Amino acid sequence: MIELNQVVRIGKLVKPHGVNGEMVLTVPESLDWTQELDCLVCSMDGILVPFWIESLRPKTDTTVLVKFEGYDSVEATTRFIGMTVYMSREFVAQDESGMPSWSSFIDWKVVDEETGPLGVISAVDDSTPNILFLVRDGERERIIPANDEWITGIDRNSCTLSFNLPQGLAEL
């Protein structure tokens, strides 16, 4: 059985593409794969299920066309539309220091050492040199800089990012 700590959320299947079973997968612009993938994992009724890739090709900086083996029509793929898609952590590119890409922390919990739990990372804004996490806790949203000097812990088993944020930042 695939566990959430073994995979990284990479996007969402948003619509069919053409009539032969391809689907549009939205991905973060910063997503960089280290090698060819043989499968992607979809969350189906709370269970992570692998699907073998027949084809995978970029469309834009933030969309990829994917076709799963055995799904050869629009009708066969409609069940996937809206599903969250994951890939194995082993395929996530790392920077020179061995740190995973910032987008690999989507769906991770954020905890501040002083304030406590802050929510879950729902998006990463990497459009500027200052990377930002959008952290949601119910209806409340916070923007937290992904400053590696403030990150005090990365727990892959519980998918938790621990911070020591400057005074007052967690309350914004």
N, C-alpha and C. Protein backbone atom coordinates (compact mmCIF):
# COMPACT_ATOMS: atom_id res chain seq x y z
N MET A 1 0.84 -1.18 0.00
CA MET A 1 0.00 0.00 0.00
C MET A 1 0.89 1.25 0.00
N ILE A 2 0.54 2.21 -0.81
CA ILE A 2 1.32 3.44 -0.93
C ILE A 2 0.90 4.39 0.19
N GLU A 3 1.89 4.93 0.89
CA GLU A 3 1.64 5.88 1.98
C GLU A 3 1.92 7.30 1.50
N LEU A 4 1.25 8.28 2.10
CA LEU A 4 1.39 9.68 1.71
C LEU A 4 2.83 10.18 1.86
N ASN A 5 3.58 9.64 2.83
CA ASN A 5 4.95 10.11 3.02
C ASN A 5 5.92 9.54 1.97
N GLN A 6 5.43 8.66 1.08
CA GLN A 6 6.26 8.10 0.01
C GLN A 6 6.11 8.87 -1.30
N VAL A 7 5.14 9.77 -1.35
CA VAL A 7 4.85 10.48 -2.59
C VAL A 7 4.82 11.99 -2.38
N VAL A 8 4.84 12.72 -3.49
CA VAL A 8 4.78 14.17 -3.48
C VAL A 8 3.65 14.60 -4.39
N ARG A 9 2.82 15.50 -3.90
CA ARG A 9 1.73 16.03 -4.72
C ARG A 9 2.33 16.88 -5.83
N ILE A 10 1.92 16.59 -7.06
CA ILE A 10 2.46 17.37 -8.18
C ILE A 10 1.39 18.16 -8.93
N GLY A 11 0.13 17.85 -8.73
CA GLY A 11 -0.88 18.60 -9.45
C GLY A 11 -2.24 17.96 -9.44
N LYS A 12 -3.03 18.37 -10.44
CA LYS A 12 -4.41 17.91 -10.52
C LYS A 12 -4.76 17.68 -11.98
N LEU A 13 -5.52 16.62 -12.23
CA LEU A 13 -6.03 16.35 -13.58
C LEU A 13 -7.26 17.23 -13.78
N VAL A 14 -7.22 18.09 -14.80
CA VAL A 14 -8.29 19.09 -14.93
C VAL A 14 -9.27 18.85 -16.06
N LYS A 15 -8.85 18.16 -17.14
CA LYS A 15 -9.79 17.92 -18.23
C LYS A 15 -9.19 16.93 -19.22
N PRO A 16 -10.07 16.30 -20.02
CA PRO A 16 -9.57 15.44 -21.09
C PRO A 16 -8.91 16.30 -22.17
N HIS A 17 -8.03 15.68 -22.94
CA HIS A 17 -7.40 16.36 -24.07
C HIS A 17 -7.51 15.43 -25.28
N GLY A 18 -8.27 15.84 -26.26
CA GLY A 18 -8.48 15.00 -27.43
C GLY A 18 -9.43 13.86 -27.13
N VAL A 19 -9.40 12.84 -27.99
CA VAL A 19 -10.35 11.74 -27.86
C VAL A 19 -9.69 10.39 -27.57
N ASN A 20 -8.37 10.37 -27.40
CA ASN A 20 -7.66 9.11 -27.24
C ASN A 20 -7.20 8.81 -25.82
N GLY A 21 -7.76 9.50 -24.82
CA GLY A 21 -7.45 9.19 -23.43
C GLY A 21 -6.42 10.08 -22.77
N GLU A 22 -5.91 11.09 -23.47
CA GLU A 22 -4.97 12.00 -22.82
C GLU A 22 -5.75 12.94 -21.89
N MET A 23 -5.07 13.37 -20.82
CA MET A 23 -5.65 14.31 -19.86
C MET A 23 -4.66 15.43 -19.58
N VAL A 24 -5.20 16.60 -19.22
CA VAL A 24 -4.37 17.74 -18.87
C VAL A 24 -4.10 17.70 -17.38
N LEU A 25 -2.83 17.67 -17.02
CA LEU A 25 -2.38 17.67 -15.64
C LEU A 25 -1.72 19.01 -15.35
N THR A 26 -2.26 19.76 -14.39
CA THR A 26 -1.63 21.02 -14.00
C THR A 26 -0.52 20.71 -13.01
N VAL A 27 0.63 21.36 -13.19
CA VAL A 27 1.79 21.15 -12.34
C VAL A 27 2.41 22.49 -12.00
N PRO A 28 3.15 22.58 -10.89
CA PRO A 28 3.86 23.83 -10.59
C PRO A 28 4.93 24.10 -11.64
N GLU A 29 5.14 25.36 -11.94
CA GLU A 29 6.15 25.74 -12.93
C GLU A 29 7.53 25.25 -12.53
N SER A 30 7.77 25.17 -11.23
CA SER A 30 9.09 24.77 -10.74
C SER A 30 9.32 23.26 -10.76
N LEU A 31 8.30 22.48 -11.11
CA LEU A 31 8.46 21.03 -11.07
C LEU A 31 9.52 20.59 -12.07
N ASP A 32 10.49 19.85 -11.55
CA ASP A 32 11.59 19.37 -12.37
C ASP A 32 11.79 17.90 -12.06
N TRP A 33 11.57 17.03 -13.03
CA TRP A 33 11.69 15.60 -12.81
C TRP A 33 13.10 15.17 -13.10
N THR A 34 13.63 14.30 -12.26
CA THR A 34 15.01 13.88 -12.40
C THR A 34 15.19 12.78 -13.43
N GLN A 35 14.14 12.03 -13.71
CA GLN A 35 14.23 10.95 -14.69
C GLN A 35 12.83 10.60 -15.17
N GLU A 36 12.75 9.72 -16.16
CA GLU A 36 11.45 9.35 -16.69
C GLU A 36 10.64 8.58 -15.67
N LEU A 37 9.36 8.91 -15.62
CA LEU A 37 8.45 8.24 -14.69
C LEU A 37 7.78 7.07 -15.39
N ASP A 38 7.51 6.01 -14.64
CA ASP A 38 6.74 4.90 -15.22
C ASP A 38 5.31 4.89 -14.71
N CYS A 39 5.07 5.57 -13.57
CA CYS A 39 3.69 5.64 -13.08
C CYS A 39 3.48 6.92 -12.29
N LEU A 40 2.21 7.31 -12.20
CA LEU A 40 1.77 8.40 -11.34
C LEU A 40 0.76 7.80 -10.37
N VAL A 41 0.55 8.48 -9.27
CA VAL A 41 -0.35 7.99 -8.24
C VAL A 41 -1.50 8.98 -8.11
N CYS A 42 -2.73 8.45 -8.12
CA CYS A 42 -3.92 9.28 -7.94
C CYS A 42 -4.59 8.93 -6.62
N SER A 43 -5.18 9.93 -6.01
CA SER A 43 -5.93 9.72 -4.78
C SER A 43 -7.37 9.41 -5.16
N MET A 44 -7.78 8.17 -4.90
CA MET A 44 -9.14 7.73 -5.24
C MET A 44 -9.84 7.28 -3.96
N ASP A 45 -10.84 8.03 -3.55
CA ASP A 45 -11.59 7.71 -2.32
C ASP A 45 -10.66 7.56 -1.12
N GLY A 46 -9.65 8.42 -1.06
CA GLY A 46 -8.72 8.42 0.06
C GLY A 46 -7.62 7.38 -0.01
N ILE A 47 -7.57 6.62 -1.09
CA ILE A 47 -6.54 5.60 -1.26
C ILE A 47 -5.63 6.01 -2.41
N LEU A 48 -4.33 5.87 -2.21
CA LEU A 48 -3.37 6.21 -3.25
C LEU A 48 -3.19 5.01 -4.18
N VAL A 49 -3.53 5.22 -5.47
CA VAL A 49 -3.52 4.14 -6.45
C VAL A 49 -2.57 4.48 -7.59
N PRO A 50 -1.62 3.59 -7.92
CA PRO A 50 -0.70 3.87 -9.03
C PRO A 50 -1.35 3.56 -10.39
N PHE A 51 -1.00 4.40 -11.38
CA PHE A 51 -1.45 4.18 -12.76
C PHE A 51 -0.22 4.27 -13.66
N TRP A 52 -0.07 3.28 -14.55
CA TRP A 52 1.09 3.22 -15.44
C TRP A 52 0.91 4.24 -16.56
N ILE A 53 1.99 4.92 -16.86
CA ILE A 53 1.98 5.98 -17.88
C ILE A 53 2.26 5.38 -19.25
N GLU A 54 1.35 5.67 -20.18
CA GLU A 54 1.58 5.29 -21.58
C GLU A 54 2.33 6.41 -22.29
N SER A 55 1.94 7.66 -21.99
CA SER A 55 2.66 8.80 -22.56
C SER A 55 2.57 9.98 -21.61
N LEU A 56 3.58 10.82 -21.65
CA LEU A 56 3.67 12.01 -20.82
C LEU A 56 4.46 13.04 -21.60
N ARG A 57 3.83 14.19 -21.86
CA ARG A 57 4.54 15.21 -22.64
C ARG A 57 4.12 16.60 -22.17
N PRO A 58 5.07 17.52 -22.15
CA PRO A 58 4.74 18.88 -21.71
C PRO A 58 3.86 19.60 -22.73
N LYS A 59 2.97 20.43 -22.22
CA LYS A 59 2.13 21.28 -23.08
C LYS A 59 2.54 22.73 -22.89
N THR A 60 2.59 23.18 -21.63
CA THR A 60 3.07 24.52 -21.28
C THR A 60 3.98 24.39 -20.06
N ASP A 61 4.40 25.52 -19.48
CA ASP A 61 5.22 25.48 -18.27
C ASP A 61 4.48 24.88 -17.09
N THR A 62 3.14 24.97 -17.11
CA THR A 62 2.36 24.51 -15.96
C THR A 62 1.35 23.41 -16.31
N THR A 63 1.41 22.88 -17.52
CA THR A 63 0.52 21.77 -17.87
C THR A 63 1.28 20.68 -18.61
N VAL A 64 0.87 19.46 -18.35
CA VAL A 64 1.46 18.28 -18.96
C VAL A 64 0.30 17.43 -19.48
N LEU A 65 0.50 16.79 -20.62
CA LEU A 65 -0.49 15.86 -21.14
C LEU A 65 -0.07 14.46 -20.74
N VAL A 66 -0.96 13.74 -20.07
CA VAL A 66 -0.65 12.40 -19.58
C VAL A 66 -1.71 11.43 -20.08
N LYS A 67 -1.27 10.23 -20.41
CA LYS A 67 -2.18 9.15 -20.82
C LYS A 67 -1.79 7.91 -20.04
N PHE A 68 -2.77 7.34 -19.34
CA PHE A 68 -2.54 6.12 -18.57
C PHE A 68 -2.81 4.90 -19.45
N GLU A 69 -2.02 3.85 -19.22
CA GLU A 69 -2.21 2.60 -19.96
C GLU A 69 -3.62 2.05 -19.70
N GLY A 70 -4.29 1.64 -20.79
CA GLY A 70 -5.61 1.03 -20.67
C GLY A 70 -6.77 2.00 -20.67
N TYR A 71 -6.50 3.28 -20.74
CA TYR A 71 -7.55 4.30 -20.77
C TYR A 71 -7.43 5.03 -22.10
N ASP A 72 -8.25 4.60 -23.07
CA ASP A 72 -8.07 5.03 -24.45
C ASP A 72 -9.19 5.90 -25.00
N SER A 73 -10.03 6.45 -24.15
CA SER A 73 -11.12 7.30 -24.64
C SER A 73 -11.44 8.37 -23.61
N VAL A 74 -12.18 9.38 -24.05
CA VAL A 74 -12.62 10.44 -23.14
C VAL A 74 -13.50 9.83 -22.05
N GLU A 75 -14.38 8.92 -22.43
CA GLU A 75 -15.28 8.30 -21.47
C GLU A 75 -14.51 7.55 -20.38
N ALA A 76 -13.44 6.89 -20.76
CA ALA A 76 -12.65 6.12 -19.79
C ALA A 76 -11.89 7.02 -18.83
N THR A 77 -11.58 8.25 -19.25
CA THR A 77 -10.76 9.13 -18.41
C THR A 77 -11.58 10.10 -17.56
N THR A 78 -12.87 10.23 -17.79
CA THR A 78 -13.66 11.21 -17.05
C THR A 78 -13.62 10.97 -15.55
N ARG A 79 -13.44 9.75 -15.11
CA ARG A 79 -13.39 9.46 -13.68
C ARG A 79 -12.17 10.09 -13.01
N PHE A 80 -11.13 10.41 -13.79
CA PHE A 80 -9.90 10.98 -13.23
C PHE A 80 -9.96 12.50 -13.06
N ILE A 81 -10.87 13.16 -13.76
CA ILE A 81 -10.89 14.62 -13.77
C ILE A 81 -11.18 15.15 -12.36
N GLY A 82 -10.32 16.07 -11.91
CA GLY A 82 -10.42 16.65 -10.58
C GLY A 82 -9.57 15.93 -9.54
N MET A 83 -8.98 14.81 -9.91
CA MET A 83 -8.17 14.04 -8.95
C MET A 83 -6.80 14.69 -8.72
N THR A 84 -6.34 14.58 -7.49
CA THR A 84 -5.00 15.01 -7.13
C THR A 84 -4.02 13.93 -7.58
N VAL A 85 -2.89 14.37 -8.14
CA VAL A 85 -1.89 13.45 -8.67
C VAL A 85 -0.59 13.59 -7.90
N TYR A 86 0.02 12.45 -7.62
CA TYR A 86 1.28 12.39 -6.87
C TYR A 86 2.31 11.61 -7.69
N MET A 87 3.57 11.79 -7.32
CA MET A 87 4.62 10.93 -7.87
C MET A 87 5.53 10.52 -6.72
N SER A 88 6.26 9.46 -6.93
CA SER A 88 7.16 8.94 -5.91
C SER A 88 8.22 9.98 -5.57
N ARG A 89 8.56 10.08 -4.30
CA ARG A 89 9.58 11.04 -3.85
C ARG A 89 10.92 10.83 -4.54
N GLU A 90 11.22 9.60 -4.92
CA GLU A 90 12.52 9.32 -5.53
C GLU A 90 12.72 10.06 -6.85
N PHE A 91 11.63 10.51 -7.48
CA PHE A 91 11.73 11.20 -8.76
C PHE A 91 11.75 12.72 -8.62
N VAL A 92 11.65 13.23 -7.40
CA VAL A 92 11.65 14.68 -7.20
C VAL A 92 13.08 15.19 -7.28
N ALA A 93 13.27 16.17 -8.13
CA ALA A 93 14.61 16.75 -8.29
C ALA A 93 15.02 17.46 -7.01
N GLN A 94 16.29 17.42 -6.72
CA GLN A 94 16.83 18.11 -5.57
C GLN A 94 17.86 19.13 -6.04
N ASP A 95 18.04 20.16 -5.22
CA ASP A 95 19.06 21.15 -5.58
C ASP A 95 20.44 20.65 -5.18
N GLU A 96 21.44 21.50 -5.33
CA GLU A 96 22.82 21.12 -5.06
C GLU A 96 23.05 20.65 -3.63
N SER A 97 22.24 21.16 -2.69
CA SER A 97 22.41 20.80 -1.28
C SER A 97 21.65 19.54 -0.91
N GLY A 98 20.92 18.95 -1.87
CA GLY A 98 20.13 17.76 -1.57
C GLY A 98 18.73 18.08 -1.09
N MET A 99 18.37 19.36 -1.08
CA MET A 99 17.03 19.79 -0.64
C MET A 99 16.03 19.55 -1.77
N PRO A 100 14.86 18.95 -1.48
CA PRO A 100 13.85 18.76 -2.52
C PRO A 100 13.32 20.10 -3.01
N SER A 101 12.69 20.09 -4.19
CA SER A 101 12.11 21.33 -4.71
C SER A 101 11.03 21.82 -3.75
N TRP A 102 10.83 23.12 -3.71
CA TRP A 102 9.86 23.71 -2.78
C TRP A 102 8.46 23.17 -3.03
N SER A 103 8.10 22.91 -4.28
CA SER A 103 6.75 22.43 -4.58
C SER A 103 6.50 21.04 -4.00
N SER A 104 7.53 20.32 -3.63
CA SER A 104 7.33 18.99 -3.05
C SER A 104 6.73 19.06 -1.64
N PHE A 105 6.65 20.26 -1.06
CA PHE A 105 6.08 20.40 0.28
C PHE A 105 4.59 20.71 0.27
N ILE A 106 3.96 20.77 -0.90
CA ILE A 106 2.52 20.97 -0.96
C ILE A 106 1.84 19.81 -0.25
N ASP A 107 0.83 20.13 0.55
CA ASP A 107 0.07 19.19 1.40
C ASP A 107 0.79 18.85 2.70
N TRP A 108 1.92 19.45 2.97
CA TRP A 108 2.61 19.23 4.24
C TRP A 108 2.05 20.15 5.31
N LYS A 109 2.10 19.68 6.57
CA LYS A 109 1.69 20.49 7.72
C LYS A 109 2.82 21.46 8.07
N VAL A 110 2.43 22.63 8.57
CA VAL A 110 3.40 23.64 9.00
C VAL A 110 3.19 23.89 10.49
N VAL A 111 4.29 23.83 11.23
CA VAL A 111 4.24 24.06 12.67
C VAL A 111 5.30 25.09 13.01
N ASP A 112 4.89 26.10 13.78
CA ASP A 112 5.85 27.08 14.30
C ASP A 112 6.21 26.68 15.72
N GLU A 113 7.50 26.74 16.08
CA GLU A 113 7.94 26.33 17.41
C GLU A 113 7.26 27.13 18.52
N GLU A 114 6.97 28.38 18.26
CA GLU A 114 6.36 29.25 19.27
C GLU A 114 4.83 29.16 19.25
N THR A 115 4.24 29.27 18.07
CA THR A 115 2.78 29.37 17.93
C THR A 115 2.08 28.02 17.86
N GLY A 116 2.76 27.00 17.33
CA GLY A 116 2.14 25.69 17.15
C GLY A 116 1.70 25.48 15.71
N PRO A 117 0.72 24.59 15.49
CA PRO A 117 0.27 24.29 14.13
C PRO A 117 -0.30 25.52 13.42
N LEU A 118 0.11 25.72 12.17
CA LEU A 118 -0.36 26.87 11.40
C LEU A 118 -1.27 26.48 10.25
N GLY A 119 -1.24 25.22 9.83
CA GLY A 119 -2.07 24.78 8.71
C GLY A 119 -1.29 23.87 7.78
N VAL A 120 -1.79 23.81 6.54
CA VAL A 120 -1.23 22.93 5.52
C VAL A 120 -0.84 23.77 4.30
N ILE A 121 0.31 23.46 3.71
CA ILE A 121 0.77 24.18 2.53
C ILE A 121 -0.12 23.79 1.35
N SER A 122 -0.80 24.78 0.78
CA SER A 122 -1.72 24.50 -0.33
C SER A 122 -1.13 24.93 -1.68
N ALA A 123 -0.14 25.81 -1.65
CA ALA A 123 0.48 26.26 -2.90
C ALA A 123 1.86 26.84 -2.60
N VAL A 124 2.67 26.90 -3.64
CA VAL A 124 4.00 27.51 -3.54
C VAL A 124 4.11 28.56 -4.63
N ASP A 125 4.47 29.77 -4.24
CA ASP A 125 4.68 30.85 -5.22
C ASP A 125 6.18 30.99 -5.42
N ASP A 126 6.64 30.52 -6.57
CA ASP A 126 8.07 30.61 -6.88
C ASP A 126 8.32 31.53 -8.06
N SER A 127 7.40 32.50 -8.23
CA SER A 127 7.52 33.42 -9.36
C SER A 127 8.54 34.53 -9.12
N THR A 128 9.01 34.65 -7.89
CA THR A 128 10.03 35.64 -7.56
C THR A 128 11.17 34.92 -6.83
N PRO A 129 12.30 35.60 -6.62
CA PRO A 129 13.40 34.95 -5.89
C PRO A 129 13.03 34.57 -4.45
N ASN A 130 12.03 35.25 -3.88
CA ASN A 130 11.58 34.93 -2.52
C ASN A 130 10.42 33.94 -2.62
N ILE A 131 10.70 32.68 -2.40
CA ILE A 131 9.70 31.62 -2.48
C ILE A 131 8.74 31.77 -1.31
N LEU A 132 7.43 31.62 -1.58
CA LEU A 132 6.41 31.76 -0.55
C LEU A 132 5.53 30.52 -0.49
N PHE A 133 5.18 30.12 0.74
CA PHE A 133 4.21 29.06 0.96
C PHE A 133 2.86 29.70 1.26
N LEU A 134 1.80 29.23 0.62
CA LEU A 134 0.44 29.60 1.00
C LEU A 134 -0.03 28.52 1.95
N VAL A 135 -0.27 28.89 3.20
CA VAL A 135 -0.63 27.94 4.24
C VAL A 135 -2.08 28.18 4.64
N ARG A 136 -2.89 27.13 4.57
CA ARG A 136 -4.32 27.25 4.90
C ARG A 136 -4.64 26.46 6.15
N ASP A 137 -5.46 27.10 6.98
CA ASP A 137 -5.98 26.47 8.18
C ASP A 137 -7.47 26.78 8.19
N GLY A 138 -8.26 25.86 7.61
CA GLY A 138 -9.69 26.14 7.46
C GLY A 138 -9.86 27.28 6.47
N GLU A 139 -10.52 28.34 6.89
CA GLU A 139 -10.75 29.51 6.02
C GLU A 139 -9.58 30.50 6.07
N ARG A 140 -8.71 30.36 7.05
CA ARG A 140 -7.60 31.30 7.21
C ARG A 140 -6.44 30.94 6.31
N GLU A 141 -5.88 31.96 5.66
CA GLU A 141 -4.69 31.77 4.82
C GLU A 141 -3.55 32.62 5.35
N ARG A 142 -2.37 32.04 5.31
CA ARG A 142 -1.15 32.77 5.68
C ARG A 142 -0.15 32.62 4.54
N ILE A 143 0.66 33.63 4.37
CA ILE A 143 1.77 33.54 3.42
C ILE A 143 3.04 33.52 4.25
N ILE A 144 3.80 32.43 4.10
CA ILE A 144 5.02 32.25 4.89
C ILE A 144 6.20 32.10 3.94
N PRO A 145 7.20 32.93 4.09
CA PRO A 145 8.39 32.79 3.24
C PRO A 145 9.08 31.46 3.47
N ALA A 146 9.50 30.84 2.39
CA ALA A 146 10.20 29.55 2.48
C ALA A 146 11.68 29.82 2.71
N ASN A 147 11.96 30.44 3.81
CA ASN A 147 13.31 30.83 4.17
C ASN A 147 13.97 29.67 4.91
N ASP A 148 14.99 29.08 4.29
CA ASP A 148 15.59 27.89 4.91
C ASP A 148 16.27 28.19 6.24
N GLU A 149 16.54 29.46 6.54
CA GLU A 149 17.10 29.80 7.85
C GLU A 149 16.05 29.67 8.95
N TRP A 150 14.76 29.76 8.59
CA TRP A 150 13.68 29.66 9.57
C TRP A 150 13.17 28.23 9.71
N ILE A 151 13.51 27.36 8.77
CA ILE A 151 13.06 25.97 8.84
C ILE A 151 13.96 25.22 9.81
N THR A 152 13.34 24.66 10.84
CA THR A 152 14.12 23.97 11.88
C THR A 152 14.00 22.45 11.79
N GLY A 153 13.04 21.97 11.01
CA GLY A 153 12.89 20.52 10.91
C GLY A 153 12.04 20.11 9.73
N ILE A 154 12.40 18.97 9.14
CA ILE A 154 11.65 18.37 8.05
C ILE A 154 11.39 16.92 8.46
N ASP A 155 10.13 16.61 8.75
CA ASP A 155 9.77 15.25 9.16
C ASP A 155 9.03 14.58 8.01
N ARG A 156 9.73 13.73 7.27
CA ARG A 156 9.15 13.05 6.10
C ARG A 156 8.08 12.04 6.49
N ASN A 157 8.19 11.46 7.66
CA ASN A 157 7.19 10.47 8.08
C ASN A 157 5.83 11.09 8.34
N SER A 158 5.81 12.25 8.98
CA SER A 158 4.53 12.90 9.28
C SER A 158 4.22 14.04 8.29
N CYS A 159 5.11 14.23 7.31
CA CYS A 159 4.94 15.32 6.31
C CYS A 159 4.72 16.65 7.02
N THR A 160 5.67 16.99 7.90
CA THR A 160 5.58 18.22 8.69
C THR A 160 6.85 19.05 8.51
N LEU A 161 6.63 20.34 8.29
CA LEU A 161 7.72 21.31 8.18
C LEU A 161 7.66 22.17 9.43
N SER A 162 8.74 22.18 10.20
CA SER A 162 8.79 22.98 11.44
C SER A 162 9.57 24.26 11.18
N PHE A 163 9.04 25.35 11.74
CA PHE A 163 9.64 26.67 11.56
C PHE A 163 9.92 27.31 12.91
N ASN A 164 10.89 28.22 12.92
CA ASN A 164 11.10 29.15 14.00
C ASN A 164 10.92 30.53 13.37
N LEU A 165 9.65 30.97 13.26
CA LEU A 165 9.33 32.20 12.56
C LEU A 165 9.64 33.43 13.42
N PRO A 166 9.98 34.54 12.78
CA PRO A 166 10.19 35.78 13.53
C PRO A 166 8.92 36.18 14.29
N GLN A 167 9.11 36.85 15.41
CA GLN A 167 7.99 37.29 16.26
C GLN A 167 6.93 38.00 15.43
N GLY A 168 5.68 37.54 15.56
CA GLY A 168 4.55 38.20 14.91
C GLY A 168 4.20 37.69 13.51
N LEU A 169 5.11 37.03 12.84
CA LEU A 169 4.84 36.58 11.47
C LEU A 169 3.71 35.56 11.40
N ALA A 170 3.64 34.67 12.36
CA ALA A 170 2.60 33.63 12.36
C ALA A 170 1.21 34.22 12.58
N GLU A 171 1.13 35.37 13.20
CA GLU A 171 -0.17 35.99 13.48
C GLU A 171 -0.71 36.79 12.32
N LEU A 172 0.10 37.05 11.32
CA LEU A 172 -0.36 37.85 10.17
C LEU A 172 -1.39 37.12 9.36
